[in-house]
Amino acid sequence: MAKRRARLTDENDPLSSTDKVLAGFEQLSQSASKQVNKSTSQPPNHTASQQADKSTNRKATFQLSEAVLQQLDKFHLQLQLELGKGSAPYKEVIVEEALARLLEQAGENRDELLRALRDRQELRK
């Protein structure tokens, strides 16, 4: 006698709704990671250290003020209009460049930068 196989239905699904949501986020994360890998691939004329930097990309989440996000959106849209949607850098690339420049500036004008950072932090409270 052949054994009957159980079929997965909504009633006997072993995943709870939370698990389904988490699985969906994991799928989105994997597809986004593939897109990041495609967008960060570089032509072979870059140095090995630059390629090593690209392989160590990792995601980080930060809270940003609405005003800063609006400025970023506006700048990104302007770049898309000027350069074409396919040629404009991603918002993540713009933010990464801004952070890199800020950290470079920290070495040059540390006191001025610290004052500005403290002021911004006070505005967040």
C-alpha atoms as a PDB file:
ATOM      1  CA  MET A   1       0.000   0.000   0.000  1.00  0.00           C
ATOM      2  CA  ALA A   2       1.413   3.393  -1.044  1.00  0.00           C
ATOM      3  CA  LYS A   3       1.851   6.058   1.581  1.00  0.00           C
ATOM      4  CA  ARG A   4       0.008   9.311   1.052  1.00  0.00           C
ATOM      5  CA  ARG A   5       2.121  12.457   1.157  1.00  0.00           C
ATOM      6  CA  ALA A   6       0.911  15.439   3.115  1.00  0.00           C
ATOM      7  CA  ARG A   7       0.303  18.548   1.056  1.00  0.00           C
ATOM      8  CA  LEU A   8       1.179  21.963   2.377  1.00  0.00           C
ATOM      9  CA  THR A   9      -1.865  24.192   2.696  1.00  0.00           C
ATOM     10  CA  ASP A  10      -2.655  27.390   4.574  1.00  0.00           C
ATOM     11  CA  GLU A  11      -4.157  25.325   7.403  1.00  0.00           C
ATOM     12  CA  ASN A  12      -1.139  23.085   7.981  1.00  0.00           C
ATOM     13  CA  ASP A  13       1.652  25.503   7.103  1.00  0.00           C
ATOM     14  CA  PRO A  14       4.369  25.071   9.765  1.00  0.00           C
ATOM     15  CA  LEU A  15       5.540  28.684   9.364  1.00  0.00           C
ATOM     16  CA  SER A  16       3.835  31.226  11.563  1.00  0.00           C
ATOM     17  CA  SER A  17       2.989  34.617  10.087  1.00  0.00           C
ATOM     18  CA  THR A  18       6.095  36.097  11.747  1.00  0.00           C
ATOM     19  CA  ASP A  19       8.271  33.419  10.175  1.00  0.00           C
ATOM     20  CA  LYS A  20       6.747  34.196   6.791  1.00  0.00           C
ATOM     21  CA  VAL A  21       7.543  37.888   7.188  1.00  0.00           C
ATOM     22  CA  LEU A  22      11.113  37.102   8.254  1.00  0.00           C
ATOM     23  CA  ALA A  23      11.522  34.733   5.309  1.00  0.00           C
ATOM     24  CA  GLY A  24      10.274  37.480   2.989  1.00  0.00           C
ATOM     25  CA  PHE A  25      12.807  39.941   4.427  1.00  0.00           C
ATOM     26  CA  GLU A  26      15.557  37.366   3.986  1.00  0.00           C
ATOM     27  CA  GLN A  27      14.617  36.936   0.328  1.00  0.00           C
ATOM     28  CA  LEU A  28      14.598  40.722  -0.169  1.00  0.00           C
ATOM     29  CA  SER A  29      17.946  41.003   1.566  1.00  0.00           C
ATOM     30  CA  GLN A  30      19.464  38.337  -0.665  1.00  0.00           C
ATOM     31  CA  SER A  31      18.163  39.975  -3.839  1.00  0.00           C
ATOM     32  CA  ALA A  32      19.333  43.400  -2.651  1.00  0.00           C
ATOM     33  CA  SER A  33      22.735  41.919  -1.853  1.00  0.00           C
ATOM     34  CA  LYS A  34      22.953  40.541  -5.394  1.00  0.00           C
ATOM     35  CA  GLN A  35      22.059  43.983  -6.779  1.00  0.00           C
ATOM     36  CA  VAL A  36      24.720  45.632  -4.608  1.00  0.00           C
ATOM     37  CA  ASN A  37      27.288  43.120  -5.835  1.00  0.00           C
ATOM     38  CA  LYS A  38      26.358  43.874  -9.446  1.00  0.00           C
ATOM     39  CA  SER A  39      26.453  47.640  -8.899  1.00  0.00           C
ATOM     40  CA  THR A  40      29.804  47.564  -7.107  1.00  0.00           C
ATOM     41  CA  SER A  41      31.645  45.434  -9.642  1.00  0.00           C
ATOM     42  CA  GLN A  42      34.445  47.467 -11.141  1.00  0.00           C
ATOM     43  CA  PRO A  43      36.443  47.419 -14.336  1.00  0.00           C
ATOM     44  CA  PRO A  44      39.791  45.596 -14.051  1.00  0.00           C
ATOM     45  CA  ASN A  45      41.842  48.840 -14.080  1.00  0.00           C
ATOM     46  CA  HIS A  46      41.210  49.502 -10.352  1.00  0.00           C
ATOM     47  CA  THR A  47      43.788  48.546  -7.745  1.00  0.00           C
ATOM     48  CA  ALA A  48      43.525  45.427  -5.631  1.00  0.00           C
ATOM     49  CA  SER A  49      42.918  47.461  -2.453  1.00  0.00           C
ATOM     50  CA  GLN A  50      39.901  49.172  -4.025  1.00  0.00           C
ATOM     51  CA  GLN A  51      38.510  45.789  -5.013  1.00  0.00           C
ATOM     52  CA  ALA A  52      39.126  44.494  -1.495  1.00  0.00           C
ATOM     53  CA  ASP A  53      37.170  47.466  -0.118  1.00  0.00           C
ATOM     54  CA  LYS A  54      34.223  46.556  -2.339  1.00  0.00           C
ATOM     55  CA  SER A  55      34.202  42.971  -1.117  1.00  0.00           C
ATOM     56  CA  THR A  56      33.840  44.109   2.499  1.00  0.00           C
ATOM     57  CA  ASN A  57      30.691  46.187   1.968  1.00  0.00           C
ATOM     58  CA  ARG A  58      28.153  45.720   4.699  1.00  0.00           C
ATOM     59  CA  LYS A  59      24.768  47.193   5.369  1.00  0.00           C
ATOM     60  CA  ALA A  60      24.082  49.627   8.172  1.00  0.00           C
ATOM     61  CA  THR A  61      20.863  51.319   9.169  1.00  0.00           C
ATOM     62  CA  PHE A  62      20.761  54.798  10.643  1.00  0.00           C
ATOM     63  CA  GLN A  63      17.974  57.161  11.531  1.00  0.00           C
ATOM     64  CA  LEU A  64      18.145  60.358   9.503  1.00  0.00           C
ATOM     65  CA  SER A  65      16.105  63.497   9.871  1.00  0.00           C
ATOM     66  CA  GLU A  66      13.317  64.082   7.404  1.00  0.00           C
ATOM     67  CA  ALA A  67      15.048  67.257   6.173  1.00  0.00           C
ATOM     68  CA  VAL A  68      18.269  65.375   5.358  1.00  0.00           C
ATOM     69  CA  LEU A  69      16.329  62.619   3.594  1.00  0.00           C
ATOM     70  CA  GLN A  70      14.465  65.215   1.525  1.00  0.00           C
ATOM     71  CA  GLN A  71      17.763  66.846   0.540  1.00  0.00           C
ATOM     72  CA  LEU A  72      19.157  63.448  -0.445  1.00  0.00           C
ATOM     73  CA  ASP A  73      16.050  62.640  -2.487  1.00  0.00           C
ATOM     74  CA  LYS A  74      16.192  66.017  -4.238  1.00  0.00           C
ATOM     75  CA  PHE A  75      19.904  65.668  -5.019  1.00  0.00           C
ATOM     76  CA  HIS A  76      19.398  62.120  -6.299  1.00  0.00           C
ATOM     77  CA  LEU A  77      16.520  63.201  -8.548  1.00  0.00           C
ATOM     78  CA  GLN A  78      18.610  66.089  -9.913  1.00  0.00           C
ATOM     79  CA  LEU A  79      21.407  63.659 -10.755  1.00  0.00           C
ATOM     80  CA  GLN A  80      18.926  61.331 -12.458  1.00  0.00           C
ATOM     81  CA  LEU A  81      17.649  64.235 -14.582  1.00  0.00           C
ATOM     82  CA  GLU A  82      21.149  65.434 -15.453  1.00  0.00           C
ATOM     83  CA  LEU A  83      22.843  62.068 -16.014  1.00  0.00           C
ATOM     84  CA  GLY A  84      19.943  59.832 -16.889  1.00  0.00           C
ATOM     85  CA  LYS A  85      18.305  57.384 -14.538  1.00  0.00           C
ATOM     86  CA  GLY A  86      20.630  54.521 -15.444  1.00  0.00           C
ATOM     87  CA  SER A  87      23.802  56.593 -15.054  1.00  0.00           C
ATOM     88  CA  ALA A  88      23.025  58.345 -11.779  1.00  0.00           C
ATOM     89  CA  PRO A  89      24.720  56.886  -8.692  1.00  0.00           C
ATOM     90  CA  TYR A  90      22.574  55.071  -6.148  1.00  0.00           C
ATOM     91  CA  LYS A  91      21.587  56.925  -2.986  1.00  0.00           C
ATOM     92  CA  GLU A  92      23.744  54.500  -1.000  1.00  0.00           C
ATOM     93  CA  VAL A  93      26.788  55.542  -3.037  1.00  0.00           C
ATOM     94  CA  ILE A  94      26.039  59.226  -2.404  1.00  0.00           C
ATOM     95  CA  VAL A  95      25.718  58.601   1.341  1.00  0.00           C
ATOM     96  CA  GLU A  96      28.920  56.544   1.404  1.00  0.00           C
ATOM     97  CA  GLU A  97      30.835  59.323  -0.379  1.00  0.00           C
ATOM     98  CA  ALA A  98      29.422  61.914   2.013  1.00  0.00           C
ATOM     99  CA  LEU A  99      30.553  59.844   4.997  1.00  0.00           C
ATOM    100  CA  ALA A 100      34.007  59.321   3.496  1.00  0.00           C
ATOM    101  CA  ARG A 101      34.389  63.081   2.969  1.00  0.00           C
ATOM    102  CA  LEU A 102      33.135  63.808   6.490  1.00  0.00           C
ATOM    103  CA  LEU A 103      35.690  61.421   7.969  1.00  0.00           C
ATOM    104  CA  GLU A 104      38.455  63.000   5.885  1.00  0.00           C
ATOM    105  CA  GLN A 105      37.339  66.410   7.138  1.00  0.00           C
ATOM    106  CA  ALA A 106      37.520  65.097  10.711  1.00  0.00           C
ATOM    107  CA  GLY A 107      41.279  64.903  10.368  1.00  0.00           C
ATOM    108  CA  GLU A 108      41.542  68.477   9.086  1.00  0.00           C
ATOM    109  CA  ASN A 109      38.961  70.455  11.128  1.00  0.00           C
ATOM    110  CA  ARG A 110      38.280  68.185  14.082  1.00  0.00           C
ATOM    111  CA  ASP A 111      37.156  70.890  16.533  1.00  0.00           C
ATOM    112  CA  GLU A 112      34.801  72.528  14.031  1.00  0.00           C
ATOM    113  CA  LEU A 113      33.332  69.173  13.054  1.00  0.00           C
ATOM    114  CA  LEU A 114      32.822  68.131  16.692  1.00  0.00           C
ATOM    115  CA  ARG A 115      30.979  71.393  17.369  1.00  0.00           C
ATOM    116  CA  ALA A 116      28.683  70.796  14.414  1.00  0.00           C
ATOM    117  CA  LEU A 117      28.073  67.180  15.457  1.00  0.00           C
ATOM    118  CA  ARG A 118      27.197  68.225  19.020  1.00  0.00           C
ATOM    119  CA  ASP A 119      24.798  70.860  17.675  1.00  0.00           C
ATOM    120  CA  ARG A 120      23.105  68.303  15.443  1.00  0.00           C
ATOM    121  CA  GLN A 121      22.859  65.824  18.298  1.00  0.00           C
ATOM    122  CA  GLU A 122      21.186  68.455  20.497  1.00  0.00           C
ATOM    123  CA  LEU A 123      18.597  69.049  17.759  1.00  0.00           C
ATOM    124  CA  ARG A 124      17.715  65.341  17.858  1.00  0.00           C
ATOM    125  CA  LYS A 125      16.815  65.393  21.561  1.00  0.00           C
END
